Amino acid sequence: ADDVAPEDLPVRLLRDVLGAAEQDGDHPLMALLRSSGHEQA
């Protein structure tokens, strides 16, 4: 989210999360959360 003004970041992240949920939750964040038992993840 490097291209986002700091004040717009919370809403940008929300939109990313909502968009991913519409696409069966395949946002990279879900991969990291589901992999959090793996130390590197």
PDB file of all heavy atoms in Angstrom:
ATOM      1  N   ALA A   1       0.857  -1.185   0.000  1.00  0.00           N
ATOM      2  CA  ALA A   1       0.000   0.000   0.000  1.00  0.00           C
ATOM      3  C   ALA A   1       0.890   1.231   0.000  1.00  0.00           C
ATOM      4  O   ALA A   1       0.569   2.250   0.579  1.00  0.00           O
ATOM      5  CB  ALA A   1      -0.931  -0.013   1.198  1.00  0.00           C
ATOM      6  N   ASP A   2       2.026   1.112  -0.671  1.00  0.00           N
ATOM      7  CA  ASP A   2       3.018   2.174  -0.678  1.00  0.00           C
ATOM      8  C   ASP A   2       2.549   3.425  -1.405  1.00  0.00           C
ATOM      9  O   ASP A   2       3.043   4.512  -1.143  1.00  0.00           O
ATOM     10  CB  ASP A   2       4.315   1.686  -1.326  1.00  0.00           C
ATOM     11  CG  ASP A   2       4.937   0.524  -0.566  1.00  0.00           C
ATOM     12  OD1 ASP A   2       4.705   0.414   0.652  1.00  0.00           O
ATOM     13  OD2 ASP A   2       5.645  -0.272  -1.201  1.00  0.00           O
ATOM     14  N   ASP A   3       1.614   3.266  -2.328  1.00  0.00           N
ATOM     15  CA  ASP A   3       1.173   4.382  -3.145  1.00  0.00           C
ATOM     16  C   ASP A   3       0.020   5.169  -2.517  1.00  0.00           C
ATOM     17  O   ASP A   3      -0.579   6.013  -3.166  1.00  0.00           O
ATOM     18  CB  ASP A   3       0.755   3.864  -4.524  1.00  0.00           C
ATOM     19  CG  ASP A   3      -0.404   2.871  -4.457  1.00  0.00           C
ATOM     20  OD1 ASP A   3      -0.586   2.233  -3.403  1.00  0.00           O
ATOM     21  OD2 ASP A   3      -1.121   2.729  -5.463  1.00  0.00           O
ATOM     22  N   VAL A   4      -0.269   4.930  -1.250  1.00  0.00           N
ATOM     23  CA  VAL A   4      -1.427   5.535  -0.588  1.00  0.00           C
ATOM     24  C   VAL A   4      -0.968   6.608   0.399  1.00  0.00           C
ATOM     25  O   VAL A   4      -0.022   6.392   1.152  1.00  0.00           O
ATOM     26  CB  VAL A   4      -2.232   4.448   0.163  1.00  0.00           C
ATOM     27  CG1 VAL A   4      -3.410   5.043   0.890  1.00  0.00           C
ATOM     28  CG2 VAL A   4      -2.676   3.376  -0.795  1.00  0.00           C
ATOM     29  N   ALA A   5      -1.668   7.741   0.386  1.00  0.00           N
ATOM     30  CA  ALA A   5      -1.384   8.779   1.376  1.00  0.00           C
ATOM     31  C   ALA A   5      -1.688   8.219   2.765  1.00  0.00           C
ATOM     32  O   ALA A   5      -2.677   7.475   2.928  1.00  0.00           O
ATOM     33  CB  ALA A   5      -2.239  10.008   1.102  1.00  0.00           C
ATOM     34  N   PRO A   6      -0.869   8.533   3.768  1.00  0.00           N
ATOM     35  CA  PRO A   6      -1.068   7.961   5.108  1.00  0.00           C
ATOM     36  C   PRO A   6      -2.496   8.114   5.633  1.00  0.00           C
ATOM     37  O   PRO A   6      -3.050   7.159   6.181  1.00  0.00           O
ATOM     38  CB  PRO A   6      -0.071   8.733   5.976  1.00  0.00           C
ATOM     39  CG  PRO A   6       0.999   9.143   5.029  1.00  0.00           C
ATOM     40  CD  PRO A   6       0.308   9.400   3.716  1.00  0.00           C
ATOM     41  N   GLU A   7      -3.099   9.252   5.425  1.00  0.00           N
ATOM     42  CA  GLU A   7      -4.453   9.469   5.948  1.00  0.00           C
ATOM     43  C   GLU A   7      -5.510   8.620   5.240  1.00  0.00           C
ATOM     44  O   GLU A   7      -6.603   8.398   5.771  1.00  0.00           O
ATOM     45  CB  GLU A   7      -4.834  10.959   5.906  1.00  0.00           C
ATOM     46  CG  GLU A   7      -4.860  11.572   4.533  1.00  0.00           C
ATOM     47  CD  GLU A   7      -3.493  12.073   4.029  1.00  0.00           C
ATOM     48  OE1 GLU A   7      -2.460  11.846   4.688  1.00  0.00           O
ATOM     49  OE2 GLU A   7      -3.480  12.687   2.949  1.00  0.00           O
ATOM     50  N   ASP A   8      -5.190   8.119   4.049  1.00  0.00           N
ATOM     51  CA  ASP A   8      -6.121   7.273   3.300  1.00  0.00           C
ATOM     52  C   ASP A   8      -5.896   5.781   3.542  1.00  0.00           C
ATOM     53  O   ASP A   8      -6.665   4.949   3.079  1.00  0.00           O
ATOM     54  CB  ASP A   8      -5.997   7.549   1.796  1.00  0.00           C
ATOM     55  CG  ASP A   8      -6.385   8.972   1.430  1.00  0.00           C
ATOM     56  OD1 ASP A   8      -7.219   9.569   2.147  1.00  0.00           O
ATOM     57  OD2 ASP A   8      -5.848   9.492   0.432  1.00  0.00           O
ATOM     58  N   LEU A   9      -4.819   5.445   4.262  1.00  0.00           N
ATOM     59  CA  LEU A   9      -4.444   4.044   4.442  1.00  0.00           C
ATOM     60  C   LEU A   9      -5.511   3.199   5.134  1.00  0.00           C
ATOM     61  O   LEU A   9      -5.810   2.096   4.656  1.00  0.00           O
ATOM     62  CB  LEU A   9      -3.109   3.937   5.178  1.00  0.00           C
ATOM     63  CG  LEU A   9      -2.535   2.535   5.322  1.00  0.00           C
ATOM     64  CD1 LEU A   9      -2.303   1.880   3.959  1.00  0.00           C
ATOM     65  CD2 LEU A   9      -1.236   2.573   6.110  1.00  0.00           C
ATOM     66  N   PRO A  10      -6.131   3.653   6.239  1.00  0.00           N
ATOM     67  CA  PRO A  10      -7.137   2.779   6.872  1.00  0.00           C
ATOM     68  C   PRO A  10      -8.264   2.367   5.920  1.00  0.00           C
ATOM     69  O   PRO A  10      -8.616   1.185   5.841  1.00  0.00           O
ATOM     70  CB  PRO A  10      -7.667   3.622   8.032  1.00  0.00           C
ATOM     71  CG  PRO A  10      -6.550   4.557   8.364  1.00  0.00           C
ATOM     72  CD  PRO A  10      -5.905   4.871   7.021  1.00  0.00           C
ATOM     73  N   VAL A  11      -8.802   3.315   5.161  1.00  0.00           N
ATOM     74  CA  VAL A  11      -9.904   2.994   4.244  1.00  0.00           C
ATOM     75  C   VAL A  11      -9.401   2.152   3.079  1.00  0.00           C
ATOM     76  O   VAL A  11     -10.091   1.233   2.635  1.00  0.00           O
ATOM     77  CB  VAL A  11     -10.615   4.275   3.759  1.00  0.00           C
ATOM     78  CG1 VAL A  11     -11.601   3.984   2.650  1.00  0.00           C
ATOM     79  CG2 VAL A  11     -11.334   4.952   4.927  1.00  0.00           C
ATOM     80  N   ARG A  12      -8.196   2.396   2.602  1.00  0.00           N
ATOM     81  CA  ARG A  12      -7.626   1.587   1.514  1.00  0.00           C
ATOM     82  C   ARG A  12      -7.495   0.127   1.950  1.00  0.00           C
ATOM     83  O   ARG A  12      -7.847  -0.799   1.221  1.00  0.00           O
ATOM     84  CB  ARG A  12      -6.279   2.152   1.102  1.00  0.00           C
ATOM     85  CG  ARG A  12      -5.403   1.228   0.284  1.00  0.00           C
ATOM     86  CD  ARG A  12      -5.969   0.947  -1.123  1.00  0.00           C
ATOM     87  NE  ARG A  12      -5.139   0.027  -1.839  1.00  0.00           N
ATOM     88  CZ  ARG A  12      -4.066   0.335  -2.545  1.00  0.00           C
ATOM     89  NH1 ARG A  12      -3.700   1.584  -2.656  1.00  0.00           N
ATOM     90  NH2 ARG A  12      -3.365  -0.589  -3.144  1.00  0.00           N
ATOM     91  N   LEU A  13      -6.987  -0.082   3.165  1.00  0.00           N
ATOM     92  CA  LEU A  13      -6.850  -1.452   3.670  1.00  0.00           C
ATOM     93  C   LEU A  13      -8.217  -2.106   3.842  1.00  0.00           C
ATOM     94  O   LEU A  13      -8.384  -3.283   3.521  1.00  0.00           O
ATOM     95  CB  LEU A  13      -6.069  -1.452   4.982  1.00  0.00           C
ATOM     96  CG  LEU A  13      -4.587  -1.089   4.858  1.00  0.00           C
ATOM     97  CD1 LEU A  13      -3.966  -0.895   6.234  1.00  0.00           C
ATOM     98  CD2 LEU A  13      -3.829  -2.137   4.074  1.00  0.00           C
ATOM     99  N   LEU A  14      -9.186  -1.346   4.325  1.00  0.00           N
ATOM    100  CA  LEU A  14     -10.543  -1.893   4.450  1.00  0.00           C
ATOM    101  C   LEU A  14     -11.068  -2.316   3.082  1.00  0.00           C
ATOM    102  O   LEU A  14     -11.622  -3.413   2.939  1.00  0.00           O
ATOM    103  CB  LEU A  14     -11.490  -0.874   5.087  1.00  0.00           C
ATOM    104  CG  LEU A  14     -12.951  -1.329   5.118  1.00  0.00           C
ATOM    105  CD1 LEU A  14     -13.135  -2.440   6.144  1.00  0.00           C
ATOM    106  CD2 LEU A  14     -13.881  -0.172   5.396  1.00  0.00           C
ATOM    107  N   ARG A  15     -10.897  -1.473   2.094  1.00  0.00           N
ATOM    108  CA  ARG A  15     -11.379  -1.815   0.739  1.00  0.00           C
ATOM    109  C   ARG A  15     -10.694  -3.075   0.215  1.00  0.00           C
ATOM    110  O   ARG A  15     -11.329  -3.902  -0.426  1.00  0.00           O
ATOM    111  CB  ARG A  15     -11.148  -0.642  -0.210  1.00  0.00           C
ATOM    112  CG  ARG A  15     -12.087   0.511   0.056  1.00  0.00           C
ATOM    113  CD  ARG A  15     -11.808   1.680  -0.834  1.00  0.00           C
ATOM    114  NE  ARG A  15     -12.691   2.785  -0.525  1.00  0.00           N
ATOM    115  CZ  ARG A  15     -12.448   4.043  -0.855  1.00  0.00           C
ATOM    116  NH1 ARG A  15     -11.349   4.345  -1.543  1.00  0.00           N
ATOM    117  NH2 ARG A  15     -13.296   4.989  -0.524  1.00  0.00           N
ATOM    118  N   ASP A  16      -9.392  -3.206   0.494  1.00  0.00           N
ATOM    119  CA  ASP A  16      -8.679  -4.421   0.089  1.00  0.00           C
ATOM    120  C   ASP A  16      -9.281  -5.652   0.760  1.00  0.00           C
ATOM    121  O   ASP A  16      -9.496  -6.682   0.123  1.00  0.00           O
ATOM    122  CB  ASP A  16      -7.191  -4.334   0.458  1.00  0.00           C
ATOM    123  CG  ASP A  16      -6.410  -3.374  -0.423  1.00  0.00           C
ATOM    124  OD1 ASP A  16      -6.951  -2.901  -1.445  1.00  0.00           O
ATOM    125  OD2 ASP A  16      -5.250  -3.103  -0.077  1.00  0.00           O
ATOM    126  N   VAL A  17      -9.555  -5.538   2.052  1.00  0.00           N
ATOM    127  CA  VAL A  17     -10.130  -6.648   2.818  1.00  0.00           C
ATOM    128  C   VAL A  17     -11.521  -6.992   2.291  1.00  0.00           C
ATOM    129  O   VAL A  17     -11.844  -8.163   2.084  1.00  0.00           O
ATOM    130  CB  VAL A  17     -10.176  -6.293   4.321  1.00  0.00           C
ATOM    131  CG1 VAL A  17     -11.116  -7.198   5.091  1.00  0.00           C
ATOM    132  CG2 VAL A  17      -8.777  -6.349   4.912  1.00  0.00           C
ATOM    133  N   LEU A  18     -12.345  -5.987   2.055  1.00  0.00           N
ATOM    134  CA  LEU A  18     -13.705  -6.230   1.560  1.00  0.00           C
ATOM    135  C   LEU A  18     -13.666  -6.814   0.157  1.00  0.00           C
ATOM    136  O   LEU A  18     -14.433  -7.724  -0.156  1.00  0.00           O
ATOM    137  CB  LEU A  18     -14.529  -4.939   1.583  1.00  0.00           C
ATOM    138  CG  LEU A  18     -14.816  -4.351   2.955  1.00  0.00           C
ATOM    139  CD1 LEU A  18     -15.555  -3.025   2.817  1.00  0.00           C
ATOM    140  CD2 LEU A  18     -15.581  -5.315   3.832  1.00  0.00           C
ATOM    141  N   GLY A  19     -12.783  -6.328  -0.679  1.00  0.00           N
ATOM    142  CA  GLY A  19     -12.659  -6.861  -2.031  1.00  0.00           C
ATOM    143  C   GLY A  19     -12.208  -8.311  -2.032  1.00  0.00           C
ATOM    144  O   GLY A  19     -12.703  -9.124  -2.802  1.00  0.00           O
ATOM    145  N   ALA A  20     -11.287  -8.649  -1.139  1.00  0.00           N
ATOM    146  CA  ALA A  20     -10.806 -10.027  -1.044  1.00  0.00           C
ATOM    147  C   ALA A  20     -11.912 -10.951  -0.565  1.00  0.00           C
ATOM    148  O   ALA A  20     -12.035 -12.078  -1.048  1.00  0.00           O
ATOM    149  CB  ALA A  20      -9.608 -10.115  -0.103  1.00  0.00           C
ATOM    150  N   ALA A  21     -12.732 -10.487   0.366  1.00  0.00           N
ATOM    151  CA  ALA A  21     -13.831 -11.318   0.859  1.00  0.00           C
ATOM    152  C   ALA A  21     -14.815 -11.623  -0.263  1.00  0.00           C
ATOM    153  O   ALA A  21     -15.376 -12.713  -0.324  1.00  0.00           O
ATOM    154  CB  ALA A  21     -14.541 -10.623   2.019  1.00  0.00           C
ATOM    155  N   GLU A  22     -14.984 -10.676  -1.159  1.00  0.00           N
ATOM    156  CA  GLU A  22     -15.875 -10.897  -2.307  1.00  0.00           C
ATOM    157  C   GLU A  22     -15.284 -11.929  -3.262  1.00  0.00           C
ATOM    158  O   GLU A  22     -15.998 -12.551  -4.019  1.00  0.00           O
ATOM    159  CB  GLU A  22     -16.121  -9.580  -3.048  1.00  0.00           C
ATOM    160  CG  GLU A  22     -16.815  -8.509  -2.216  1.00  0.00           C
ATOM    161  CD  GLU A  22     -18.168  -8.938  -1.694  1.00  0.00           C
ATOM    162  OE1 GLU A  22     -18.941  -9.540  -2.469  1.00  0.00           O
ATOM    163  OE2 GLU A  22     -18.451  -8.679  -0.521  1.00  0.00           O
ATOM    164  N   GLN A  23     -13.959 -12.107  -3.213  1.00  0.00           N
ATOM    165  CA  GLN A  23     -13.270 -13.052  -4.089  1.00  0.00           C
ATOM    166  C   GLN A  23     -12.846 -14.286  -3.299  1.00  0.00           C
ATOM    167  O   GLN A  23     -11.730 -14.772  -3.422  1.00  0.00           O
ATOM    168  CB  GLN A  23     -12.048 -12.390  -4.712  1.00  0.00           C
ATOM    169  CG  GLN A  23     -12.373 -11.197  -5.540  1.00  0.00           C
ATOM    170  CD  GLN A  23     -11.135 -10.376  -5.866  1.00  0.00           C
ATOM    171  OE1 GLN A  23     -10.017 -10.793  -5.634  1.00  0.00           O
ATOM    172  NE2 GLN A  23     -11.350  -9.202  -6.402  1.00  0.00           N
ATOM    173  N   ASP A  24     -13.693 -14.758  -2.424  1.00  0.00           N
ATOM    174  CA  ASP A  24     -13.452 -15.966  -1.636  1.00  0.00           C
ATOM    175  C   ASP A  24     -12.294 -15.834  -0.659  1.00  0.00           C
ATOM    176  O   ASP A  24     -11.633 -16.817  -0.338  1.00  0.00           O
ATOM    177  CB  ASP A  24     -13.234 -17.189  -2.530  1.00  0.00           C
ATOM    178  CG  ASP A  24     -14.453 -17.505  -3.371  1.00  0.00           C
ATOM    179  OD1 ASP A  24     -15.579 -17.315  -2.861  1.00  0.00           O
ATOM    180  OD2 ASP A  24     -14.290 -17.908  -4.528  1.00  0.00           O
ATOM    181  N   GLY A  25     -12.040 -14.621  -0.177  1.00  0.00           N
ATOM    182  CA  GLY A  25     -11.068 -14.428   0.899  1.00  0.00           C
ATOM    183  C   GLY A  25      -9.638 -14.725   0.541  1.00  0.00           C
ATOM    184  O   GLY A  25      -8.855 -15.088   1.400  1.00  0.00           O
ATOM    185  N   ASP A  26      -9.242 -14.529  -0.740  1.00  0.00           N
ATOM    186  CA  ASP A  26      -7.878 -14.885  -1.092  1.00  0.00           C
ATOM    187  C   ASP A  26      -6.885 -13.731  -0.944  1.00  0.00           C
ATOM    188  O   ASP A  26      -5.846 -13.715  -1.564  1.00  0.00           O
ATOM    189  CB  ASP A  26      -7.796 -15.514  -2.486  1.00  0.00           C
ATOM    190  CG  ASP A  26      -8.135 -14.551  -3.611  1.00  0.00           C
ATOM    191  OD1 ASP A  26      -8.605 -13.440  -3.337  1.00  0.00           O
ATOM    192  OD2 ASP A  26      -7.920 -14.931  -4.774  1.00  0.00           O
ATOM    193  N   HIS A  27      -7.168 -12.786  -0.087  1.00  0.00           N
ATOM    194  CA  HIS A  27      -6.226 -11.706   0.193  1.00  0.00           C
ATOM    195  C   HIS A  27      -4.968 -12.302   0.827  1.00  0.00           C
ATOM    196  O   HIS A  27      -5.057 -13.227   1.633  1.00  0.00           O
ATOM    197  CB  HIS A  27      -6.872 -10.688   1.137  1.00  0.00           C
ATOM    198  CG  HIS A  27      -6.082  -9.441   1.289  1.00  0.00           C
ATOM    199  ND1 HIS A  27      -5.046  -9.322   2.180  1.00  0.00           N
ATOM    200  CD2 HIS A  27      -6.161  -8.258   0.650  1.00  0.00           C
ATOM    201  CE1 HIS A  27      -4.530  -8.122   2.092  1.00  0.00           C
ATOM    202  NE2 HIS A  27      -5.181  -7.450   1.169  1.00  0.00           N
ATOM    203  N   PRO A  28      -3.805 -11.797   0.482  1.00  0.00           N
ATOM    204  CA  PRO A  28      -2.562 -12.345   1.054  1.00  0.00           C
ATOM    205  C   PRO A  28      -2.543 -12.342   2.583  1.00  0.00           C
ATOM    206  O   PRO A  28      -1.888 -13.176   3.194  1.00  0.00           O
ATOM    207  CB  PRO A  28      -1.476 -11.423   0.491  1.00  0.00           C
ATOM    208  CG  PRO A  28      -2.058 -10.887  -0.772  1.00  0.00           C
ATOM    209  CD  PRO A  28      -3.533 -10.769  -0.517  1.00  0.00           C
ATOM    210  N   LEU A  29      -3.271 -11.435   3.188  1.00  0.00           N
ATOM    211  CA  LEU A  29      -3.349 -11.403   4.646  1.00  0.00           C
ATOM    212  C   LEU A  29      -3.916 -12.711   5.188  1.00  0.00           C
ATOM    213  O   LEU A  29      -3.453 -13.230   6.197  1.00  0.00           O
ATOM    214  CB  LEU A  29      -4.210 -10.218   5.100  1.00  0.00           C
ATOM    215  CG  LEU A  29      -4.429 -10.067   6.589  1.00  0.00           C
ATOM    216  CD1 LEU A  29      -3.105  -9.854   7.311  1.00  0.00           C
ATOM    217  CD2 LEU A  29      -5.359  -8.898   6.851  1.00  0.00           C
ATOM    218  N   MET A  30      -4.904 -13.270   4.504  1.00  0.00           N
ATOM    219  CA  MET A  30      -5.483 -14.537   4.966  1.00  0.00           C
ATOM    220  C   MET A  30      -4.452 -15.658   4.872  1.00  0.00           C
ATOM    221  O   MET A  30      -4.409 -16.535   5.725  1.00  0.00           O
ATOM    222  CB  MET A  30      -6.734 -14.896   4.164  1.00  0.00           C
ATOM    223  CG  MET A  30      -7.912 -13.959   4.418  1.00  0.00           C
ATOM    224  SD  MET A  30      -8.282 -13.680   6.169  1.00  0.00           S
ATOM    225  CE  MET A  30      -8.633 -15.330   6.714  1.00  0.00           C
ATOM    226  N   ALA A  31      -3.614 -15.622   3.855  1.00  0.00           N
ATOM    227  CA  ALA A  31      -2.554 -16.629   3.746  1.00  0.00           C
ATOM    228  C   ALA A  31      -1.610 -16.517   4.936  1.00  0.00           C
ATOM    229  O   ALA A  31      -1.208 -17.533   5.517  1.00  0.00           O
ATOM    230  CB  ALA A  31      -1.792 -16.456   2.441  1.00  0.00           C
ATOM    231  N   LEU A  32      -1.262 -15.294   5.303  1.00  0.00           N
ATOM    232  CA  LEU A  32      -0.368 -15.104   6.444  1.00  0.00           C
ATOM    233  C   LEU A  32      -1.041 -15.526   7.741  1.00  0.00           C
ATOM    234  O   LEU A  32      -0.416 -16.164   8.589  1.00  0.00           O
ATOM    235  CB  LEU A  32       0.084 -13.641   6.524  1.00  0.00           C
ATOM    236  CG  LEU A  32       1.068 -13.209   5.447  1.00  0.00           C
ATOM    237  CD1 LEU A  32       1.276 -11.703   5.480  1.00  0.00           C
ATOM    238  CD2 LEU A  32       2.388 -13.935   5.593  1.00  0.00           C
ATOM    239  N   LEU A  33      -2.303 -15.185   7.910  1.00  0.00           N
ATOM    240  CA  LEU A  33      -3.013 -15.574   9.129  1.00  0.00           C
ATOM    241  C   LEU A  33      -3.130 -17.094   9.239  1.00  0.00           C
ATOM    242  O   LEU A  33      -2.886 -17.663  10.301  1.00  0.00           O
ATOM    243  CB  LEU A  33      -4.404 -14.942   9.176  1.00  0.00           C
ATOM    244  CG  LEU A  33      -4.445 -13.454   9.460  1.00  0.00           C
ATOM    245  CD1 LEU A  33      -5.861 -12.913   9.261  1.00  0.00           C
ATOM    246  CD2 LEU A  33      -3.958 -13.164  10.867  1.00  0.00           C
ATOM    247  N   ARG A  34      -3.494 -17.743   8.151  1.00  0.00           N
ATOM    248  CA  ARG A  34      -3.653 -19.196   8.184  1.00  0.00           C
ATOM    249  C   ARG A  34      -2.319 -19.918   8.286  1.00  0.00           C
ATOM    250  O   ARG A  34      -2.278 -21.104   8.582  1.00  0.00           O
ATOM    251  CB  ARG A  34      -4.423 -19.666   6.958  1.00  0.00           C
ATOM    252  CG  ARG A  34      -5.895 -19.320   7.054  1.00  0.00           C
ATOM    253  CD  ARG A  34      -6.715 -20.123   6.079  1.00  0.00           C
ATOM    254  NE  ARG A  34      -8.121 -19.963   6.360  1.00  0.00           N
ATOM    255  CZ  ARG A  34      -8.968 -19.279   5.592  1.00  0.00           C
ATOM    256  NH1 ARG A  34      -8.554 -18.705   4.500  1.00  0.00           N
ATOM    257  NH2 ARG A  34     -10.238 -19.191   5.932  1.00  0.00           N
ATOM    258  N   SER A  35      -1.248 -19.196   8.036  1.00  0.00           N
ATOM    259  CA  SER A  35       0.086 -19.793   8.099  1.00  0.00           C
ATOM    260  C   SER A  35       0.853 -19.362   9.339  1.00  0.00           C
ATOM    261  O   SER A  35       2.039 -19.659   9.467  1.00  0.00           O
ATOM    262  CB  SER A  35       0.888 -19.393   6.850  1.00  0.00           C
ATOM    263  OG  SER A  35       0.208 -19.782   5.685  1.00  0.00           O
ATOM    264  N   SER A  36       0.205 -18.684  10.260  1.00  0.00           N
ATOM    265  CA  SER A  36       0.916 -18.090  11.396  1.00  0.00           C
ATOM    266  C   SER A  36       1.550 -19.126  12.321  1.00  0.00           C
ATOM    267  O   SER A  36       2.400 -18.781  13.134  1.00  0.00           O
ATOM    268  CB  SER A  36      -0.001 -17.154  12.179  1.00  0.00           C
ATOM    269  OG  SER A  36      -1.106 -17.853  12.686  1.00  0.00           O
ATOM    270  N   GLY A  37       1.199 -20.381  12.200  1.00  0.00           N
ATOM    271  CA  GLY A  37       1.877 -21.437  12.951  1.00  0.00           C
ATOM    272  C   GLY A  37       3.257 -21.722  12.391  1.00  0.00           C
ATOM    273  O   GLY A  37       4.098 -22.322  13.050  1.00  0.00           O
ATOM    274  N   HIS A  38       3.505 -21.287  11.188  1.00  0.00           N
ATOM    275  CA  HIS A  38       4.800 -21.423  10.519  1.00  0.00           C
ATOM    276  C   HIS A  38       5.614 -20.181  10.896  1.00  0.00           C
ATOM    277  O   HIS A  38       5.194 -19.057  10.631  1.00  0.00           O
ATOM    278  CB  HIS A  38       4.554 -21.510   9.005  1.00  0.00           C
ATOM    279  CG  HIS A  38       5.720 -21.922   8.214  1.00  0.00           C
ATOM    280  ND1 HIS A  38       6.593 -21.013   7.673  1.00  0.00           N
ATOM    281  CD2 HIS A  38       6.178 -23.145   7.855  1.00  0.00           C
ATOM    282  CE1 HIS A  38       7.528 -21.664   7.019  1.00  0.00           C
ATOM    283  NE2 HIS A  38       7.298 -22.957   7.103  1.00  0.00           N
ATOM    284  N   GLU A  39       6.747 -20.364  11.534  1.00  0.00           N
ATOM    285  CA  GLU A  39       7.509 -19.247  12.114  1.00  0.00           C
ATOM    286  C   GLU A  39       7.836 -18.146  11.115  1.00  0.00           C
ATOM    287  O   GLU A  39       7.678 -16.969  11.411  1.00  0.00           O
ATOM    288  CB  GLU A  39       8.795 -19.765  12.776  1.00  0.00           C
ATOM    289  CG  GLU A  39       9.584 -18.696  13.490  1.00  0.00           C
ATOM    290  CD  GLU A  39       8.880 -18.066  14.694  1.00  0.00           C
ATOM    291  OE1 GLU A  39       7.827 -18.566  15.136  1.00  0.00           O
ATOM    292  OE2 GLU A  39       9.390 -17.054  15.200  1.00  0.00           O
ATOM    293  N   GLN A  40       8.254 -18.488   9.921  1.00  0.00           N
ATOM    294  CA  GLN A  40       8.597 -17.459   8.939  1.00  0.00           C
ATOM    295  C   GLN A  40       7.369 -16.654   8.531  1.00  0.00           C
ATOM    296  O   GLN A  40       7.451 -15.450   8.336  1.00  0.00           O
ATOM    297  CB  GLN A  40       9.267 -18.079   7.720  1.00  0.00           C
ATOM    298  CG  GLN A  40      10.683 -18.541   8.021  1.00  0.00           C
ATOM    299  CD  GLN A  40      11.324 -19.191   6.824  1.00  0.00           C
ATOM    300  OE1 GLN A  40      10.768 -20.108   6.231  1.00  0.00           O
ATOM    301  NE2 GLN A  40      12.505 -18.706   6.459  1.00  0.00           N
ATOM    302  N   ALA A  41       6.225 -17.302   8.421  1.00  0.00           N
ATOM    303  CA  ALA A  41       4.995 -16.585   8.076  1.00  0.00           C
ATOM    304  C   ALA A  41       4.573 -15.669   9.219  1.00  0.00           C
ATOM    305  O   ALA A  41       4.140 -14.541   8.987  1.00  0.00           O
ATOM    306  CB  ALA A  41       3.883 -17.576   7.749  1.00  0.00           C
TER     307      ALA A  41
END
